[in-house]
Amino acid sequence: MEDFWVRFEGAGAAQYFSAFAECLTNTDFVFTARSRRPPGNPVNAMLSFGYQVLWNHLLALIEIQGLDPYYACLHQAHNGHAALASDLIKEFRAPIVDSLVLWLVNSQGYFVLDITAQN
């Protein structure tokens, strides 16, 4: 039964990120699909960074409230993974991180850092 929900969630995510790509109007950025570990392009890198920052903030809030971060409904705790933060992040990714990335890319509110080695 768990595999059914994982596939269902994956199909929904593919549809969501397909629509997300259509919202990007800056032609300097190409985004065809969500990729991670490693992120395949700057948009995926911004999403991954934003999701990790948000996840860490949620974990801090969970711990401040004295909740057990390893007890969750949608995700399983494994190898020290705080599953409750992974459950809660789903509600906040789009309005906080995704909208910020869209704004940064579309309004060109970003800067490019060239980290290549200089001779």
PDB file of N, CA and C in Angstrom:
ATOM      1  N   MET A   1       0.820  -1.195   0.000  1.00  0.00           N
ATOM      2  CA  MET A   1       0.000   0.000   0.000  1.00  0.00           C
ATOM      3  C   MET A   1       0.867   1.263   0.000  1.00  0.00           C
ATOM      4  N   GLU A   2       1.990   1.220   0.729  1.00  0.00           N
ATOM      5  CA  GLU A   2       2.876   2.380   0.792  1.00  0.00           C
ATOM      6  C   GLU A   2       3.422   2.725  -0.589  1.00  0.00           C
ATOM      7  N   ASP A   3       3.745   1.712  -1.404  1.00  0.00           N
ATOM      8  CA  ASP A   3       4.246   1.964  -2.751  1.00  0.00           C
ATOM      9  C   ASP A   3       3.223   2.728  -3.596  1.00  0.00           C
ATOM     10  N   PHE A   4       1.950   2.426  -3.404  1.00  0.00           N
ATOM     11  CA  PHE A   4       0.894   3.132  -4.124  1.00  0.00           C
ATOM     12  C   PHE A   4       0.965   4.629  -3.844  1.00  0.00           C
ATOM     13  N   TRP A   5       1.095   4.997  -2.568  1.00  0.00           N
ATOM     14  CA  TRP A   5       1.123   6.408  -2.192  1.00  0.00           C
ATOM     15  C   TRP A   5       2.400   7.083  -2.663  1.00  0.00           C
ATOM     16  N   VAL A   6       3.499   6.366  -2.639  1.00  0.00           N
ATOM     17  CA  VAL A   6       4.761   6.932  -3.128  1.00  0.00           C
ATOM     18  C   VAL A   6       4.655   7.233  -4.617  1.00  0.00           C
ATOM     19  N   ARG A   7       4.097   6.297  -5.381  1.00  0.00           N
ATOM     20  CA  ARG A   7       3.911   6.530  -6.823  1.00  0.00           C
ATOM     21  C   ARG A   7       2.930   7.676  -7.067  1.00  0.00           C
ATOM     22  N   PHE A   8       1.877   7.741  -6.288  1.00  0.00           N
ATOM     23  CA  PHE A   8       0.880   8.798  -6.405  1.00  0.00           C
ATOM     24  C   PHE A   8       1.509  10.164  -6.123  1.00  0.00           C
ATOM     25  N   GLU A   9       2.301  10.240  -5.073  1.00  0.00           N
ATOM     26  CA  GLU A   9       2.992  11.482  -4.732  1.00  0.00           C
ATOM     27  C   GLU A   9       3.984  11.869  -5.833  1.00  0.00           C
ATOM     28  N   GLY A  10       4.690  10.888  -6.369  1.00  0.00           N
ATOM     29  CA  GLY A  10       5.648  11.151  -7.442  1.00  0.00           C
ATOM     30  C   GLY A  10       4.978  11.681  -8.698  1.00  0.00           C
ATOM     31  N   ALA A  11       3.835  11.132  -9.045  1.00  0.00           N
ATOM     32  CA  ALA A  11       3.096  11.603 -10.219  1.00  0.00           C
ATOM     33  C   ALA A  11       2.612  13.035 -10.001  1.00  0.00           C
ATOM     34  N   GLY A  12       2.149  13.326  -8.806  1.00  0.00           N
ATOM     35  CA  GLY A  12       1.709  14.682  -8.493  1.00  0.00           C
ATOM     36  C   GLY A  12       2.860  15.672  -8.545  1.00  0.00           C
ATOM     37  N   ALA A  13       4.015  15.274  -8.029  1.00  0.00           N
ATOM     38  CA  ALA A  13       5.186  16.148  -8.052  1.00  0.00           C
ATOM     39  C   ALA A  13       5.627  16.424  -9.483  1.00  0.00           C
ATOM     40  N   ALA A  14       5.591  15.410 -10.342  1.00  0.00           N
ATOM     41  CA  ALA A  14       5.969  15.607 -11.748  1.00  0.00           C
ATOM     42  C   ALA A  14       5.043  16.619 -12.416  1.00  0.00           C
ATOM     43  N   GLN A  15       3.746  16.526 -12.143  1.00  0.00           N
ATOM     44  CA  GLN A  15       2.788  17.485 -12.702  1.00  0.00           C
ATOM     45  C   GLN A  15       3.030  18.889 -12.142  1.00  0.00           C
ATOM     46  N   TYR A  16       3.280  18.963 -10.851  1.00  0.00           N
ATOM     47  CA  TYR A  16       3.514  20.259 -10.209  1.00  0.00           C
ATOM     48  C   TYR A  16       4.738  20.946 -10.802  1.00  0.00           C
ATOM     49  N   PHE A  17       5.850  20.218 -10.921  1.00  0.00           N
ATOM     50  CA  PHE A  17       7.071  20.843 -11.411  1.00  0.00           C
ATOM     51  C   PHE A  17       7.007  21.113 -12.910  1.00  0.00           C
ATOM     52  N   SER A  18       6.170  20.400 -13.627  1.00  0.00           N
ATOM     53  CA  SER A  18       5.927  20.740 -15.029  1.00  0.00           C
ATOM     54  C   SER A  18       5.245  22.104 -15.120  1.00  0.00           C
ATOM     55  N   ALA A  19       4.257  22.335 -14.271  1.00  0.00           N
ATOM     56  CA  ALA A  19       3.575  23.632 -14.232  1.00  0.00           C
ATOM     57  C   ALA A  19       4.507  24.717 -13.697  1.00  0.00           C
ATOM     58  N   PHE A  20       5.345  24.362 -12.723  1.00  0.00           N
ATOM     59  CA  PHE A  20       6.321  25.302 -12.175  1.00  0.00           C
ATOM     60  C   PHE A  20       7.241  25.803 -13.280  1.00  0.00           C
ATOM     61  N   ALA A  21       7.699  24.902 -14.144  1.00  0.00           N
ATOM     62  CA  ALA A  21       8.597  25.263 -15.248  1.00  0.00           C
ATOM     63  C   ALA A  21       7.930  26.274 -16.176  1.00  0.00           C
ATOM     64  N   GLU A  22       6.634  26.129 -16.391  1.00  0.00           N
ATOM     65  CA  GLU A  22       5.909  27.053 -17.264  1.00  0.00           C
ATOM     66  C   GLU A  22       5.797  28.451 -16.664  1.00  0.00           C
ATOM     67  N   CYS A  23       5.961  28.561 -15.359  1.00  0.00           N
ATOM     68  CA  CYS A  23       5.888  29.864 -14.695  1.00  0.00           C
ATOM     69  C   CYS A  23       7.198  30.636 -14.782  1.00  0.00           C
ATOM     70  N   LEU A  24       8.261  29.982 -15.171  1.00  0.00           N
ATOM     71  CA  LEU A  24       9.551  30.657 -15.306  1.00  0.00           C
ATOM     72  C   LEU A  24       9.586  31.417 -16.625  1.00  0.00           C
ATOM     73  N   THR A  25       9.774  32.723 -16.556  1.00  0.00           N
ATOM     74  CA  THR A  25       9.759  33.545 -17.759  1.00  0.00           C
ATOM     75  C   THR A  25      11.145  34.014 -18.184  1.00  0.00           C
ATOM     76  N   ASN A  26      12.134  33.838 -17.336  1.00  0.00           N
ATOM     77  CA  ASN A  26      13.492  34.254 -17.657  1.00  0.00           C
ATOM     78  C   ASN A  26      14.150  33.161 -18.504  1.00  0.00           C
ATOM     79  N   THR A  27      14.443  33.470 -19.746  1.00  0.00           N
ATOM     80  CA  THR A  27      14.978  32.463 -20.672  1.00  0.00           C
ATOM     81  C   THR A  27      16.432  32.088 -20.373  1.00  0.00           C
ATOM     82  N   ASP A  28      17.076  32.802 -19.451  1.00  0.00           N
ATOM     83  CA  ASP A  28      18.438  32.431 -19.048  1.00  0.00           C
ATOM     84  C   ASP A  28      18.444  31.159 -18.199  1.00  0.00           C
ATOM     85  N   PHE A  29      17.292  30.769 -17.700  1.00  0.00           N
ATOM     86  CA  PHE A  29      17.186  29.609 -16.828  1.00  0.00           C
ATOM     87  C   PHE A  29      16.378  28.511 -17.506  1.00  0.00           C
ATOM     88  N   VAL A  30      16.949  27.338 -17.567  1.00  0.00           N
ATOM     89  CA  VAL A  30      16.269  26.184 -18.143  1.00  0.00           C
ATOM     90  C   VAL A  30      15.911  25.243 -16.996  1.00  0.00           C
ATOM     91  N   PHE A  31      14.642  24.875 -16.940  1.00  0.00           N
ATOM     92  CA  PHE A  31      14.164  23.954 -15.912  1.00  0.00           C
ATOM     93  C   PHE A  31      13.191  23.001 -16.586  1.00  0.00           C
ATOM     94  N   THR A  32      13.596  21.757 -16.758  1.00  0.00           N
ATOM     95  CA  THR A  32      12.725  20.784 -17.408  1.00  0.00           C
ATOM     96  C   THR A  32      12.073  19.828 -16.417  1.00  0.00           C
ATOM     97  N   ALA A  33      12.750  19.587 -15.301  1.00  0.00           N
ATOM     98  CA  ALA A  33      12.214  18.677 -14.285  1.00  0.00           C
ATOM     99  C   ALA A  33      12.982  18.890 -12.987  1.00  0.00           C
ATOM    100  N   ARG A  34      12.409  18.438 -11.897  1.00  0.00           N
ATOM    101  CA  ARG A  34      13.066  18.523 -10.595  1.00  0.00           C
ATOM    102  C   ARG A  34      14.161  17.469 -10.543  1.00  0.00           C
ATOM    103  N   SER A  35      15.345  17.897 -10.151  1.00  0.00           N
ATOM    104  CA  SER A  35      16.455  16.966  -9.939  1.00  0.00           C
ATOM    105  C   SER A  35      17.174  17.367  -8.666  1.00  0.00           C
ATOM    106  N   ARG A  36      17.725  16.385  -7.989  1.00  0.00           N
ATOM    107  CA  ARG A  36      18.436  16.649  -6.742  1.00  0.00           C
ATOM    108  C   ARG A  36      19.528  15.604  -6.562  1.00  0.00           C
ATOM    109  N   ARG A  37      20.433  15.913  -5.695  1.00  0.00           N
ATOM    110  CA  ARG A  37      21.549  15.006  -5.353  1.00  0.00           C
ATOM    111  C   ARG A  37      22.311  14.516  -6.565  1.00  0.00           C
ATOM    112  N   PRO A  38      22.938  15.358  -7.328  1.00  0.00           N
ATOM    113  CA  PRO A  38      23.041  16.808  -7.200  1.00  0.00           C
ATOM    114  C   PRO A  38      21.967  17.499  -8.025  1.00  0.00           C
ATOM    115  N   PRO A  39      21.683  18.749  -7.698  1.00  0.00           N
ATOM    116  CA  PRO A  39      20.743  19.518  -8.519  1.00  0.00           C
ATOM    117  C   PRO A  39      21.325  19.706  -9.915  1.00  0.00           C
ATOM    118  N   GLY A  40      20.507  19.544 -10.935  1.00  0.00           N
ATOM    119  CA  GLY A  40      20.998  19.556 -12.301  1.00  0.00           C
ATOM    120  C   GLY A  40      21.150  20.917 -12.940  1.00  0.00           C
ATOM    121  N   ASN A  41      20.650  21.961 -12.289  1.00  0.00           N
ATOM    122  CA  ASN A  41      20.733  23.301 -12.864  1.00  0.00           C
ATOM    123  C   ASN A  41      20.518  24.322 -11.745  1.00  0.00           C
ATOM    124  N   PRO A  42      20.734  25.612 -12.040  1.00  0.00           N
ATOM    125  CA  PRO A  42      20.598  26.627 -10.981  1.00  0.00           C
ATOM    126  C   PRO A  42      19.219  26.683 -10.319  1.00  0.00           C
ATOM    127  N   VAL A  43      18.151  26.470 -11.066  1.00  0.00           N
ATOM    128  CA  VAL A  43      16.815  26.502 -10.452  1.00  0.00           C
ATOM    129  C   VAL A  43      16.682  25.366  -9.437  1.00  0.00           C
ATOM    130  N   ASN A  44      17.113  24.167  -9.803  1.00  0.00           N
ATOM    131  CA  ASN A  44      17.070  23.048  -8.868  1.00  0.00           C
ATOM    132  C   ASN A  44      17.970  23.294  -7.669  1.00  0.00           C
ATOM    133  N   ALA A  45      19.104  23.958  -7.875  1.00  0.00           N
ATOM    134  CA  ALA A  45      19.999  24.273  -6.761  1.00  0.00           C
ATOM    135  C   ALA A  45      19.323  25.243  -5.793  1.00  0.00           C
ATOM    136  N   MET A  46      18.644  26.260  -6.333  1.00  0.00           N
ATOM    137  CA  MET A  46      17.932  27.206  -5.468  1.00  0.00           C
ATOM    138  C   MET A  46      16.807  26.517  -4.708  1.00  0.00           C
ATOM    139  N   LEU A  47      16.058  25.645  -5.396  1.00  0.00           N
ATOM    140  CA  LEU A  47      14.989  24.907  -4.713  1.00  0.00           C
ATOM    141  C   LEU A  47      15.552  24.033  -3.601  1.00  0.00           C
ATOM    142  N   SER A  48      16.601  23.283  -3.902  1.00  0.00           N
ATOM    143  CA  SER A  48      17.193  22.386  -2.902  1.00  0.00           C
ATOM    144  C   SER A  48      17.717  23.164  -1.701  1.00  0.00           C
ATOM    145  N   PHE A  49      18.404  24.273  -1.951  1.00  0.00           N
ATOM    146  CA  PHE A  49      18.915  25.091  -0.859  1.00  0.00           C
ATOM    147  C   PHE A  49      17.769  25.635  -0.015  1.00  0.00           C
ATOM    148  N   GLY A  50      16.755  26.169  -0.664  1.00  0.00           N
ATOM    149  CA  GLY A  50      15.614  26.706   0.063  1.00  0.00           C
ATOM    150  C   GLY A  50      14.889  25.654   0.880  1.00  0.00           C
ATOM    151  N   TYR A  51      14.707  24.462   0.297  1.00  0.00           N
ATOM    152  CA  TYR A  51      14.038  23.380   1.025  1.00  0.00           C
ATOM    153  C   TYR A  51      14.846  22.972   2.259  1.00  0.00           C
ATOM    154  N   GLN A  52      16.169  22.935   2.131  1.00  0.00           N
ATOM    155  CA  GLN A  52      17.000  22.528   3.268  1.00  0.00           C
ATOM    156  C   GLN A  52      16.965  23.571   4.376  1.00  0.00           C
ATOM    157  N   VAL A  53      17.019  24.849   4.009  1.00  0.00           N
ATOM    158  CA  VAL A  53      16.925  25.916   5.015  1.00  0.00           C
ATOM    159  C   VAL A  53      15.571  25.845   5.721  1.00  0.00           C
ATOM    160  N   LEU A  54      14.496  25.687   4.959  1.00  0.00           N
ATOM    161  CA  LEU A  54      13.158  25.587   5.545  1.00  0.00           C
ATOM    162  C   LEU A  54      13.046  24.364   6.448  1.00  0.00           C
ATOM    163  N   TRP A  55      13.573  23.229   6.001  1.00  0.00           N
ATOM    164  CA  TRP A  55      13.522  21.998   6.805  1.00  0.00           C
ATOM    165  C   TRP A  55      14.233  22.205   8.138  1.00  0.00           C
ATOM    166  N   ASN A  56      15.390  22.858   8.098  1.00  0.00           N
ATOM    167  CA  ASN A  56      16.138  23.106   9.340  1.00  0.00           C
ATOM    168  C   ASN A  56      15.374  24.039  10.276  1.00  0.00           C
ATOM    169  N   HIS A  57      14.724  25.050   9.733  1.00  0.00           N
ATOM    170  CA  HIS A  57      13.916  25.938  10.567  1.00  0.00           C
ATOM    171  C   HIS A  57      12.736  25.195  11.185  1.00  0.00           C
ATOM    172  N   LEU A  58      12.085  24.355  10.402  1.00  0.00           N
ATOM    173  CA  LEU A  58      10.972  23.565  10.943  1.00  0.00           C
ATOM    174  C   LEU A  58      11.438  22.635  12.046  1.00  0.00           C
ATOM    175  N   LEU A  59      12.591  22.002  11.845  1.00  0.00           N
ATOM    176  CA  LEU A  59      13.131  21.114  12.881  1.00  0.00           C
ATOM    177  C   LEU A  59      13.403  21.890  14.161  1.00  0.00           C
ATOM    178  N   ALA A  60      13.960  23.083  14.043  1.00  0.00           N
ATOM    179  CA  ALA A  60      14.213  23.905  15.237  1.00  0.00           C
ATOM    180  C   ALA A  60      12.908  24.236  15.955  1.00  0.00           C
ATOM    181  N   LEU A  61      11.871  24.604  15.183  1.00  0.00           N
ATOM    182  CA  LEU A  61      10.577  24.927  15.793  1.00  0.00           C
ATOM    183  C   LEU A  61       9.954  23.701  16.463  1.00  0.00           C
ATOM    184  N   ILE A  62      10.095  22.546  15.851  1.00  0.00           N
ATOM    185  CA  ILE A  62       9.581  21.302  16.433  1.00  0.00           C
ATOM    186  C   ILE A  62      10.254  21.042  17.781  1.00  0.00           C
ATOM    187  N   GLU A  63      11.569  21.190  17.806  1.00  0.00           N
ATOM    188  CA  GLU A  63      12.310  20.937  19.039  1.00  0.00           C
ATOM    189  C   GLU A  63      12.012  21.982  20.108  1.00  0.00           C
ATOM    190  N   ILE A  64      11.856  23.251  19.710  1.00  0.00           N
ATOM    191  CA  ILE A  64      11.519  24.308  20.672  1.00  0.00           C
ATOM    192  C   ILE A  64      10.176  24.019  21.340  1.00  0.00           C
ATOM    193  N   GLN A  65       9.229  23.461  20.579  1.00  0.00           N
ATOM    194  CA  GLN A  65       7.908  23.141  21.121  1.00  0.00           C
ATOM    195  C   GLN A  65       7.900  21.851  21.940  1.00  0.00           C
ATOM    196  N   GLY A  66       9.025  21.155  21.962  1.00  0.00           N
ATOM    197  CA  GLY A  66       9.120  19.922  22.740  1.00  0.00           C
ATOM    198  C   GLY A  66       8.475  18.720  22.082  1.00  0.00           C
ATOM    199  N   LEU A  67       8.229  18.794  20.774  1.00  0.00           N
ATOM    200  CA  LEU A  67       7.644  17.667  20.051  1.00  0.00           C
ATOM    201  C   LEU A  67       8.727  16.663  19.674  1.00  0.00           C
ATOM    202  N   ASP A  68       8.331  15.439  19.451  1.00  0.00           N
ATOM    203  CA  ASP A  68       9.260  14.405  19.025  1.00  0.00           C
ATOM    204  C   ASP A  68       9.435  14.503  17.514  1.00  0.00           C
ATOM    205  N   PRO A  69      10.609  14.916  17.032  1.00  0.00           N
ATOM    206  CA  PRO A  69      10.792  15.102  15.590  1.00  0.00           C
ATOM    207  C   PRO A  69      10.849  13.797  14.805  1.00  0.00           C
ATOM    208  N   TYR A  70      10.938  12.667  15.507  1.00  0.00           N
ATOM    209  CA  TYR A  70      11.063  11.384  14.823  1.00  0.00           C
ATOM    210  C   TYR A  70       9.737  10.648  14.676  1.00  0.00           C
ATOM    211  N   TYR A  71       8.671  11.220  15.229  1.00  0.00           N
ATOM    212  CA  TYR A  71       7.349  10.616  15.142  1.00  0.00           C
ATOM    213  C   TYR A  71       6.528  11.411  14.136  1.00  0.00           C
ATOM    214  N   ALA A  72       6.112  10.763  13.047  1.00  0.00           N
ATOM    215  CA  ALA A  72       5.407  11.473  11.984  1.00  0.00           C
ATOM    216  C   ALA A  72       4.332  10.578  11.380  1.00  0.00           C
ATOM    217  N   CYS A  73       3.532  11.152  10.499  1.00  0.00           N
ATOM    218  CA  CYS A  73       2.452  10.414   9.849  1.00  0.00           C
ATOM    219  C   CYS A  73       2.828   9.941   8.451  1.00  0.00           C
ATOM    220  N   LEU A  74       3.460  10.792   7.668  1.00  0.00           N
ATOM    221  CA  LEU A  74       3.716  10.489   6.263  1.00  0.00           C
ATOM    222  C   LEU A  74       5.092   9.896   5.997  1.00  0.00           C
ATOM    223  N   HIS A  75       6.058  10.221   6.833  1.00  0.00           N
ATOM    224  CA  HIS A  75       7.425   9.756   6.624  1.00  0.00           C
ATOM    225  C   HIS A  75       7.866   8.879   7.786  1.00  0.00           C
ATOM    226  N   GLN A  76       8.779   7.990   7.499  1.00  0.00           N
ATOM    227  CA  GLN A  76       9.341   7.095   8.505  1.00  0.00           C
ATOM    228  C   GLN A  76      10.672   7.648   8.989  1.00  0.00           C
ATOM    229  N   ALA A  77      10.888   7.606  10.291  1.00  0.00           N
ATOM    230  CA  ALA A  77      12.186   7.994  10.836  1.00  0.00           C
ATOM    231  C   ALA A  77      13.166   6.852  10.580  1.00  0.00           C
ATOM    232  N   HIS A  78      14.298   7.189  10.012  1.00  0.00           N
ATOM    233  CA  HIS A  78      15.334   6.192   9.767  1.00  0.00           C
ATOM    234  C   HIS A  78      16.693   6.873   9.820  1.00  0.00           C
ATOM    235  N   ASN A  79      17.665   6.218  10.401  1.00  0.00           N
ATOM    236  CA  ASN A  79      19.027   6.744  10.483  1.00  0.00           C
ATOM    237  C   ASN A  79      19.079   8.171  11.024  1.00  0.00           C
ATOM    238  N   GLY A  80      18.299   8.440  12.045  1.00  0.00           N
ATOM    239  CA  GLY A  80      18.305   9.756  12.652  1.00  0.00           C
ATOM    240  C   GLY A  80      17.572  10.827  11.875  1.00  0.00           C
ATOM    241  N   HIS A  81      16.755  10.433  10.895  1.00  0.00           N
ATOM    242  CA  HIS A  81      16.000  11.401  10.089  1.00  0.00           C
ATOM    243  C   HIS A  81      14.793  11.907  10.872  1.00  0.00           C
ATOM    244  N   ALA A  82      14.676  13.213  11.006  1.00  0.00           N
ATOM    245  CA  ALA A  82      13.548  13.824  11.709  1.00  0.00           C
ATOM    246  C   ALA A  82      12.341  13.859  10.770  1.00  0.00           C
ATOM    247  N   ALA A  83      11.555  12.805  10.812  1.00  0.00           N
ATOM    248  CA  ALA A  83      10.455  12.614   9.861  1.00  0.00           C
ATOM    249  C   ALA A  83       9.357  13.666   9.995  1.00  0.00           C
ATOM    250  N   LEU A  84       9.147  14.194  11.192  1.00  0.00           N
ATOM    251  CA  LEU A  84       8.089  15.186  11.367  1.00  0.00           C
ATOM    252  C   LEU A  84       8.382  16.453  10.567  1.00  0.00           C
ATOM    253  N   ALA A  85       9.628  16.857  10.495  1.00  0.00           N
ATOM    254  CA  ALA A  85       9.990  18.027   9.683  1.00  0.00           C
ATOM    255  C   ALA A  85       9.697  17.753   8.210  1.00  0.00           C
ATOM    256  N   SER A  86       9.933  16.523   7.773  1.00  0.00           N
ATOM    257  CA  SER A  86       9.629  16.165   6.382  1.00  0.00           C
ATOM    258  C   SER A  86       8.129  16.161   6.127  1.00  0.00           C
ATOM    259  N   ASP A  87       7.342  15.773   7.117  1.00  0.00           N
ATOM    260  CA  ASP A  87       5.885  15.849   6.982  1.00  0.00           C
ATOM    261  C   ASP A  87       5.424  17.307   6.861  1.00  0.00           C
ATOM    262  N   LEU A  88       5.941  18.154   7.727  1.00  0.00           N
ATOM    263  CA  LEU A  88       5.471  19.535   7.790  1.00  0.00           C
ATOM    264  C   LEU A  88       5.949  20.394   6.624  1.00  0.00           C
ATOM    265  N   ILE A  89       7.094  20.090   6.066  1.00  0.00           N
ATOM    266  CA  ILE A  89       7.648  20.926   4.999  1.00  0.00           C
ATOM    267  C   ILE A  89       6.752  20.941   3.763  1.00  0.00           C
ATOM    268  N   LYS A  90       6.009  19.880   3.544  1.00  0.00           N
ATOM    269  CA  LYS A  90       5.143  19.785   2.368  1.00  0.00           C
ATOM    270  C   LYS A  90       4.188  20.970   2.276  1.00  0.00           C
ATOM    271  N   GLU A  91       3.699  21.450   3.406  1.00  0.00           N
ATOM    272  CA  GLU A  91       2.730  22.539   3.432  1.00  0.00           C
ATOM    273  C   GLU A  91       3.363  23.896   3.150  1.00  0.00           C
ATOM    274  N   PHE A  92       4.668  24.014   3.350  1.00  0.00           N
ATOM    275  CA  PHE A  92       5.312  25.319   3.282  1.00  0.00           C
ATOM    276  C   PHE A  92       6.248  25.506   2.090  1.00  0.00           C
ATOM    277  N   ARG A  93       6.571  24.430   1.380  1.00  0.00           N
ATOM    278  CA  ARG A  93       7.521  24.561   0.268  1.00  0.00           C
ATOM    279  C   ARG A  93       7.017  25.508  -0.816  1.00  0.00           C
ATOM    280  N   ALA A  94       5.814  25.305  -1.291  1.00  0.00           N
ATOM    281  CA  ALA A  94       5.306  26.125  -2.403  1.00  0.00           C
ATOM    282  C   ALA A  94       5.139  27.598  -2.017  1.00  0.00           C
ATOM    283  N   PRO A  95       4.469  27.915  -0.914  1.00  0.00           N
ATOM    284  CA  PRO A  95       4.270  29.339  -0.629  1.00  0.00           C
ATOM    285  C   PRO A  95       5.536  30.077  -0.180  1.00  0.00           C
ATOM    286  N   ILE A  96       6.510  29.359   0.343  1.00  0.00           N
ATOM    287  CA  ILE A  96       7.714  30.040   0.827  1.00  0.00           C
ATOM    288  C   ILE A  96       8.869  29.893  -0.165  1.00  0.00           C
ATOM    289  N   VAL A  97       9.295  28.688  -0.432  1.00  0.00           N
ATOM    290  CA  VAL A  97      10.500  28.483  -1.245  1.00  0.00           C
ATOM    291  C   VAL A  97      10.207  28.611  -2.735  1.00  0.00           C
ATOM    292  N   ASP A  98       9.222  27.878  -3.229  1.00  0.00           N
ATOM    293  CA  ASP A  98       8.958  27.891  -4.672  1.00  0.00           C
ATOM    294  C   ASP A  98       8.607  29.294  -5.161  1.00  0.00           C
ATOM    295  N   SER A  99       7.770  30.007  -4.404  1.00  0.00           N
ATOM    296  CA  SER A  99       7.403  31.363  -4.820  1.00  0.00           C
ATOM    297  C   SER A  99       8.605  32.296  -4.783  1.00  0.00           C
ATOM    298  N   LEU A 100       9.497  32.128  -3.820  1.00  0.00           N
ATOM    299  CA  LEU A 100      10.708  32.943  -3.761  1.00  0.00           C
ATOM    300  C   LEU A 100      11.613  32.661  -4.957  1.00  0.00           C
ATOM    301  N   VAL A 101      11.791  31.394  -5.297  1.00  0.00           N
ATOM    302  CA  VAL A 101      12.629  31.039  -6.448  1.00  0.00           C
ATOM    303  C   VAL A 101      12.020  31.604  -7.732  1.00  0.00           C
ATOM    304  N   LEU A 102      10.719  31.488  -7.898  1.00  0.00           N
ATOM    305  CA  LEU A 102      10.068  32.073  -9.077  1.00  0.00           C
ATOM    306  C   LEU A 102      10.313  33.573  -9.146  1.00  0.00           C
ATOM    307  N   TRP A 103      10.167  34.255  -8.026  1.00  0.00           N
ATOM    308  CA  TRP A 103      10.377  35.696  -8.008  1.00  0.00           C
ATOM    309  C   TRP A 103      11.833  36.035  -8.324  1.00  0.00           C
ATOM    310  N   LEU A 104      12.779  35.327  -7.701  1.00  0.00           N
ATOM    311  CA  LEU A 104      14.198  35.607  -7.944  1.00  0.00           C
ATOM    312  C   LEU A 104      14.564  35.418  -9.412  1.00  0.00           C
ATOM    313  N   VAL A 105      14.091  34.333 -10.005  1.00  0.00           N
ATOM    314  CA  VAL A 105      14.430  34.050 -11.397  1.00  0.00           C
ATOM    315  C   VAL A 105      13.722  35.017 -12.345  1.00  0.00           C
ATOM    316  N   ASN A 106      12.437  35.189 -12.175  1.00  0.00           N
ATOM    317  CA  ASN A 106      11.661  36.014 -13.108  1.00  0.00           C
ATOM    318  C   ASN A 106      11.967  37.504 -13.003  1.00  0.00           C
ATOM    319  N   SER A 107      12.293  37.976 -11.814  1.00  0.00           N
ATOM    320  CA  SER A 107      12.583  39.399 -11.643  1.00  0.00           C
ATOM    321  C   SER A 107      14.078  39.673 -11.728  1.00  0.00           C
ATOM    322  N   GLN A 108      14.843  38.650 -11.975  1.00  0.00           N
ATOM    323  CA  GLN A 108      16.297  38.734 -12.017  1.00  0.00           C
ATOM    324  C   GLN A 108      16.836  39.329 -10.716  1.00  0.00           C
ATOM    325  N   GLY A 109      16.234  38.904  -9.614  1.00  0.00           N
ATOM    326  CA  GLY A 109      16.641  39.361  -8.290  1.00  0.00           C
ATOM    327  C   GLY A 109      17.699  38.450  -7.697  1.00  0.00           C
ATOM    328  N   TYR A 110      18.641  38.050  -8.483  1.00  0.00           N
ATOM    329  CA  TYR A 110      19.698  37.127  -8.069  1.00  0.00           C
ATOM    330  C   TYR A 110      21.022  37.680  -8.558  1.00  0.00           C
ATOM    331  N   PHE A 111      22.086  37.092  -8.105  1.00  0.00           N
ATOM    332  CA  PHE A 111      23.396  37.420  -8.637  1.00  0.00           C
ATOM    333  C   PHE A 111      24.102  36.125  -8.985  1.00  0.00           C
ATOM    334  N   VAL A 112      25.005  36.196  -9.916  1.00  0.00           N
ATOM    335  CA  VAL A 112      25.742  35.016 -10.353  1.00  0.00           C
ATOM    336  C   VAL A 112      27.112  35.060  -9.707  1.00  0.00           C
ATOM    337  N   LEU A 113      27.461  34.007  -9.039  1.00  0.00           N
ATOM    338  CA  LEU A 113      28.764  33.895  -8.403  1.00  0.00           C
ATOM    339  C   LEU A 113      29.598  32.912  -9.200  1.00  0.00           C
ATOM    340  N   ASP A 114      30.653  33.376  -9.782  1.00  0.00           N
ATOM    341  CA  ASP A 114      31.546  32.520 -10.554  1.00  0.00           C
ATOM    342  C   ASP A 114      32.581  31.932  -9.606  1.00  0.00           C
ATOM    343  N   ILE A 115      32.478  30.643  -9.346  1.00  0.00           N
ATOM    344  CA  ILE A 115      33.393  30.012  -8.399  1.00  0.00           C
ATOM    345  C   ILE A 115      34.463  29.180  -9.095  1.00  0.00           C
ATOM    346  N   THR A 116      34.635  29.415 -10.389  1.00  0.00           N
ATOM    347  CA  THR A 116      35.679  28.689 -11.102  1.00  0.00           C
ATOM    348  C   THR A 116      37.037  29.207 -10.676  1.00  0.00           C
ATOM    349  N   ALA A 117      38.024  28.356 -10.742  1.00  0.00           N
ATOM    350  CA  ALA A 117      39.374  28.720 -10.327  1.00  0.00           C
ATOM    351  C   ALA A 117      39.958  29.786 -11.249  1.00  0.00           C
ATOM    352  N   GLN A 118      40.507  30.804 -10.669  1.00  0.00           N
ATOM    353  CA  GLN A 118      41.155  31.883 -11.422  1.00  0.00           C
ATOM    354  C   GLN A 118      42.655  31.686 -11.333  1.00  0.00           C
ATOM    355  N   ASN A 119      43.350  31.830 -12.470  1.00  0.00           N
ATOM    356  CA  ASN A 119      44.818  31.688 -12.478  1.00  0.00           C
ATOM    357  C   ASN A 119      45.490  32.984 -12.157  1.00  0.00           C
TER     358      ASN A 119
END
